[in-house]
Amino acid sequence: MYVITRRFKSISSVAEAAARAETGLAPMMLEATGFKGYHIIDGGDGVGLSVTMFETREDAERVKDRALEWVQQNLSDLYQGEPEVTAGEVIYSARPETPVGREASSAETEVRPH
């Protein structure tokens, strides 16, 4: 899995950004090949974060330009400066799966070689 995080340090309303993304950006992402998820986080004190997940880096690259254009056209009035971007392959993941015969508190893990 390939994950991209963006940290906006000075955003006037994370809730407004999320509402706009829900109706504009999310439908575009949902149609993208390899798309796995998109999350917006209110970090408080004017900090907003987004986390976008794709199956592969190539999947992310295919939609990147359209998504950035959408953000610039639809959210630029809500933030100042450029977001801090971090992206990379997931090399470890722990998820609270509940396979048959196991308690809900157990955690399934996935380890991928570097």
C-alpha atoms as a PDB file:
ATOM      1  CA  MET A   1       0.000   0.000   0.000  1.00  0.00           C
ATOM      2  CA  TYR A   2       1.144   3.550  -0.749  1.00  0.00           C
ATOM      3  CA  VAL A   3       0.176   6.414   1.586  1.00  0.00           C
ATOM      4  CA  ILE A   4       0.340  10.191   1.113  1.00  0.00           C
ATOM      5  CA  THR A   5      -0.067  12.577   4.041  1.00  0.00           C
ATOM      6  CA  ARG A   6      -0.512  16.326   3.772  1.00  0.00           C
ATOM      7  CA  ARG A   7      -0.228  18.644   6.762  1.00  0.00           C
ATOM      8  CA  PHE A   8      -1.767  22.091   6.398  1.00  0.00           C
ATOM      9  CA  LYS A   9      -0.366  24.336   9.138  1.00  0.00           C
ATOM     10  CA  SER A  10      -2.730  27.285   8.774  1.00  0.00           C
ATOM     11  CA  ILE A  11      -6.256  26.301   7.762  1.00  0.00           C
ATOM     12  CA  SER A  12      -9.249  28.420   8.690  1.00  0.00           C
ATOM     13  CA  SER A  13     -11.791  25.562   8.838  1.00  0.00           C
ATOM     14  CA  VAL A  14     -10.949  21.881   8.635  1.00  0.00           C
ATOM     15  CA  ALA A  15     -14.676  21.097   8.803  1.00  0.00           C
ATOM     16  CA  GLU A  16     -15.363  23.246   5.737  1.00  0.00           C
ATOM     17  CA  ALA A  17     -12.461  21.647   3.870  1.00  0.00           C
ATOM     18  CA  ALA A  18     -13.859  18.202   4.726  1.00  0.00           C
ATOM     19  CA  ALA A  19     -17.358  19.149   3.565  1.00  0.00           C
ATOM     20  CA  ARG A  20     -16.011  20.396   0.234  1.00  0.00           C
ATOM     21  CA  ALA A  21     -13.795  17.329  -0.195  1.00  0.00           C
ATOM     22  CA  GLU A  22     -16.725  15.022   0.508  1.00  0.00           C
ATOM     23  CA  THR A  23     -18.722  16.402  -2.407  1.00  0.00           C
ATOM     24  CA  GLY A  24     -15.888  17.193  -4.826  1.00  0.00           C
ATOM     25  CA  LEU A  25     -12.660  15.327  -4.227  1.00  0.00           C
ATOM     26  CA  ALA A  26     -13.992  12.081  -2.766  1.00  0.00           C
ATOM     27  CA  PRO A  27     -16.065  11.106  -5.830  1.00  0.00           C
ATOM     28  CA  MET A  28     -12.973  11.573  -8.025  1.00  0.00           C
ATOM     29  CA  MET A  29     -10.850   9.463  -5.680  1.00  0.00           C
ATOM     30  CA  LEU A  30     -13.465   6.723  -5.392  1.00  0.00           C
ATOM     31  CA  GLU A  31     -13.263   6.221  -9.162  1.00  0.00           C
ATOM     32  CA  ALA A  32      -9.448   6.036  -9.192  1.00  0.00           C
ATOM     33  CA  THR A  33      -7.770   2.681  -9.799  1.00  0.00           C
ATOM     34  CA  GLY A  34      -6.203   1.276  -6.634  1.00  0.00           C
ATOM     35  CA  PHE A  35      -7.803   3.833  -4.297  1.00  0.00           C
ATOM     36  CA  LYS A  36      -8.009   2.486  -0.724  1.00  0.00           C
ATOM     37  CA  GLY A  37      -9.087   5.416   1.447  1.00  0.00           C
ATOM     38  CA  TYR A  38      -9.057   9.118   2.225  1.00  0.00           C
ATOM     39  CA  HIS A  39      -9.194  10.706   5.667  1.00  0.00           C
ATOM     40  CA  ILE A  40      -9.242  14.304   6.883  1.00  0.00           C
ATOM     41  CA  ILE A  41      -8.078  15.004  10.432  1.00  0.00           C
ATOM     42  CA  ASP A  42      -8.591  18.139  12.496  1.00  0.00           C
ATOM     43  CA  GLY A  43      -5.323  18.521  14.393  1.00  0.00           C
ATOM     44  CA  GLY A  44      -6.553  21.603  16.271  1.00  0.00           C
ATOM     45  CA  ASP A  45      -5.048  25.094  16.323  1.00  0.00           C
ATOM     46  CA  GLY A  46      -5.482  25.566  12.561  1.00  0.00           C
ATOM     47  CA  VAL A  47      -3.784  22.307  11.611  1.00  0.00           C
ATOM     48  CA  GLY A  48      -5.490  20.029   9.104  1.00  0.00           C
ATOM     49  CA  LEU A  49      -4.180  16.733   7.829  1.00  0.00           C
ATOM     50  CA  SER A  50      -5.184  14.423   5.031  1.00  0.00           C
ATOM     51  CA  VAL A  51      -4.231  10.794   4.569  1.00  0.00           C
ATOM     52  CA  THR A  52      -4.742   9.181   1.166  1.00  0.00           C
ATOM     53  CA  MET A  53      -4.132   5.495   0.512  1.00  0.00           C
ATOM     54  CA  PHE A  54      -3.618   3.635  -2.752  1.00  0.00           C
ATOM     55  CA  GLU A  55      -2.690   0.087  -3.607  1.00  0.00           C
ATOM     56  CA  THR A  56       0.500   1.224  -5.397  1.00  0.00           C
ATOM     57  CA  ARG A  57       2.563   4.343  -6.006  1.00  0.00           C
ATOM     58  CA  GLU A  58       1.634   4.141  -9.684  1.00  0.00           C
ATOM     59  CA  ASP A  59      -2.067   4.293  -8.765  1.00  0.00           C
ATOM     60  CA  ALA A  60      -1.399   7.437  -6.701  1.00  0.00           C
ATOM     61  CA  GLU A  61       0.617   9.043  -9.505  1.00  0.00           C
ATOM     62  CA  ARG A  62      -2.223   8.564 -11.993  1.00  0.00           C
ATOM     63  CA  VAL A  63      -4.645  10.731  -9.984  1.00  0.00           C
ATOM     64  CA  LYS A  64      -2.178  13.134  -8.326  1.00  0.00           C
ATOM     65  CA  ASP A  65      -2.361  16.017 -10.804  1.00  0.00           C
ATOM     66  CA  ARG A  66      -6.172  16.041 -10.943  1.00  0.00           C
ATOM     67  CA  ALA A  67      -6.420  15.890  -7.140  1.00  0.00           C
ATOM     68  CA  LEU A  68      -3.903  18.717  -6.628  1.00  0.00           C
ATOM     69  CA  GLU A  69      -5.712  20.844  -9.190  1.00  0.00           C
ATOM     70  CA  TRP A  70      -9.005  20.234  -7.373  1.00  0.00           C
ATOM     71  CA  VAL A  71      -7.457  21.219  -4.023  1.00  0.00           C
ATOM     72  CA  GLN A  72      -5.989  24.415  -5.467  1.00  0.00           C
ATOM     73  CA  GLN A  73      -9.259  25.389  -7.149  1.00  0.00           C
ATOM     74  CA  ASN A  74     -11.582  24.494  -4.275  1.00  0.00           C
ATOM     75  CA  LEU A  75      -9.681  24.805  -0.991  1.00  0.00           C
ATOM     76  CA  SER A  76      -7.029  27.489  -1.506  1.00  0.00           C
ATOM     77  CA  ASP A  77      -9.214  30.104   0.196  1.00  0.00           C
ATOM     78  CA  LEU A  78      -9.086  28.044   3.411  1.00  0.00           C
ATOM     79  CA  TYR A  79      -5.330  27.635   3.909  1.00  0.00           C
ATOM     80  CA  GLN A  80      -2.095  29.584   3.673  1.00  0.00           C
ATOM     81  CA  GLY A  81       1.215  28.301   2.386  1.00  0.00           C
ATOM     82  CA  GLU A  82       1.871  24.882   0.957  1.00  0.00           C
ATOM     83  CA  PRO A  83       1.128  21.672   2.849  1.00  0.00           C
ATOM     84  CA  GLU A  84       3.941  19.495   4.140  1.00  0.00           C
ATOM     85  CA  VAL A  85       3.739  16.286   2.078  1.00  0.00           C
ATOM     86  CA  THR A  86       5.057  12.879   3.117  1.00  0.00           C
ATOM     87  CA  ALA A  87       4.524   9.793   0.969  1.00  0.00           C
ATOM     88  CA  GLY A  88       5.766   6.245   0.874  1.00  0.00           C
ATOM     89  CA  GLU A  89       5.178   2.523   0.866  1.00  0.00           C
ATOM     90  CA  VAL A  90       3.604   0.995   3.960  1.00  0.00           C
ATOM     91  CA  ILE A  91       6.132  -1.453   5.371  1.00  0.00           C
ATOM     92  CA  TYR A  92       4.153  -2.448   8.460  1.00  0.00           C
ATOM     93  CA  SER A  93       0.461  -2.441   9.261  1.00  0.00           C
ATOM     94  CA  ALA A  94      -1.514  -3.644  12.297  1.00  0.00           C
ATOM     95  CA  ARG A  95      -5.278  -3.966  12.038  1.00  0.00           C
ATOM     96  CA  PRO A  96      -7.825  -5.157  14.581  1.00  0.00           C
ATOM     97  CA  GLU A  97      -9.322  -7.941  12.497  1.00  0.00           C
ATOM     98  CA  THR A  98     -11.611 -10.482  14.116  1.00  0.00           C
ATOM     99  CA  PRO A  99     -11.107 -13.861  12.408  1.00  0.00           C
ATOM    100  CA  VAL A 100     -13.455 -16.683  13.350  1.00  0.00           C
ATOM    101  CA  GLY A 101     -12.369 -18.294  16.607  1.00  0.00           C
ATOM    102  CA  ARG A 102     -10.365 -15.323  17.906  1.00  0.00           C
ATOM    103  CA  GLU A 103     -11.226 -12.610  20.382  1.00  0.00           C
ATOM    104  CA  ALA A 104     -11.842  -9.095  19.068  1.00  0.00           C
ATOM    105  CA  SER A 105      -8.880  -7.734  21.057  1.00  0.00           C
ATOM    106  CA  SER A 106      -6.288  -9.669  19.084  1.00  0.00           C
ATOM    107  CA  ALA A 107      -4.447  -7.739  16.367  1.00  0.00           C
ATOM    108  CA  GLU A 108      -3.540  -9.125  12.988  1.00  0.00           C
ATOM    109  CA  THR A 109      -0.316  -7.742  11.598  1.00  0.00           C
ATOM    110  CA  GLU A 110       1.256  -7.537   8.191  1.00  0.00           C
ATOM    111  CA  VAL A 111       4.986  -7.065   7.717  1.00  0.00           C
ATOM    112  CA  ARG A 112       6.441  -6.289   4.318  1.00  0.00           C
ATOM    113  CA  PRO A 113      10.177  -6.431   3.645  1.00  0.00           C
ATOM    114  CA  HIS A 114      11.963  -3.090   3.099  1.00  0.00           C
END
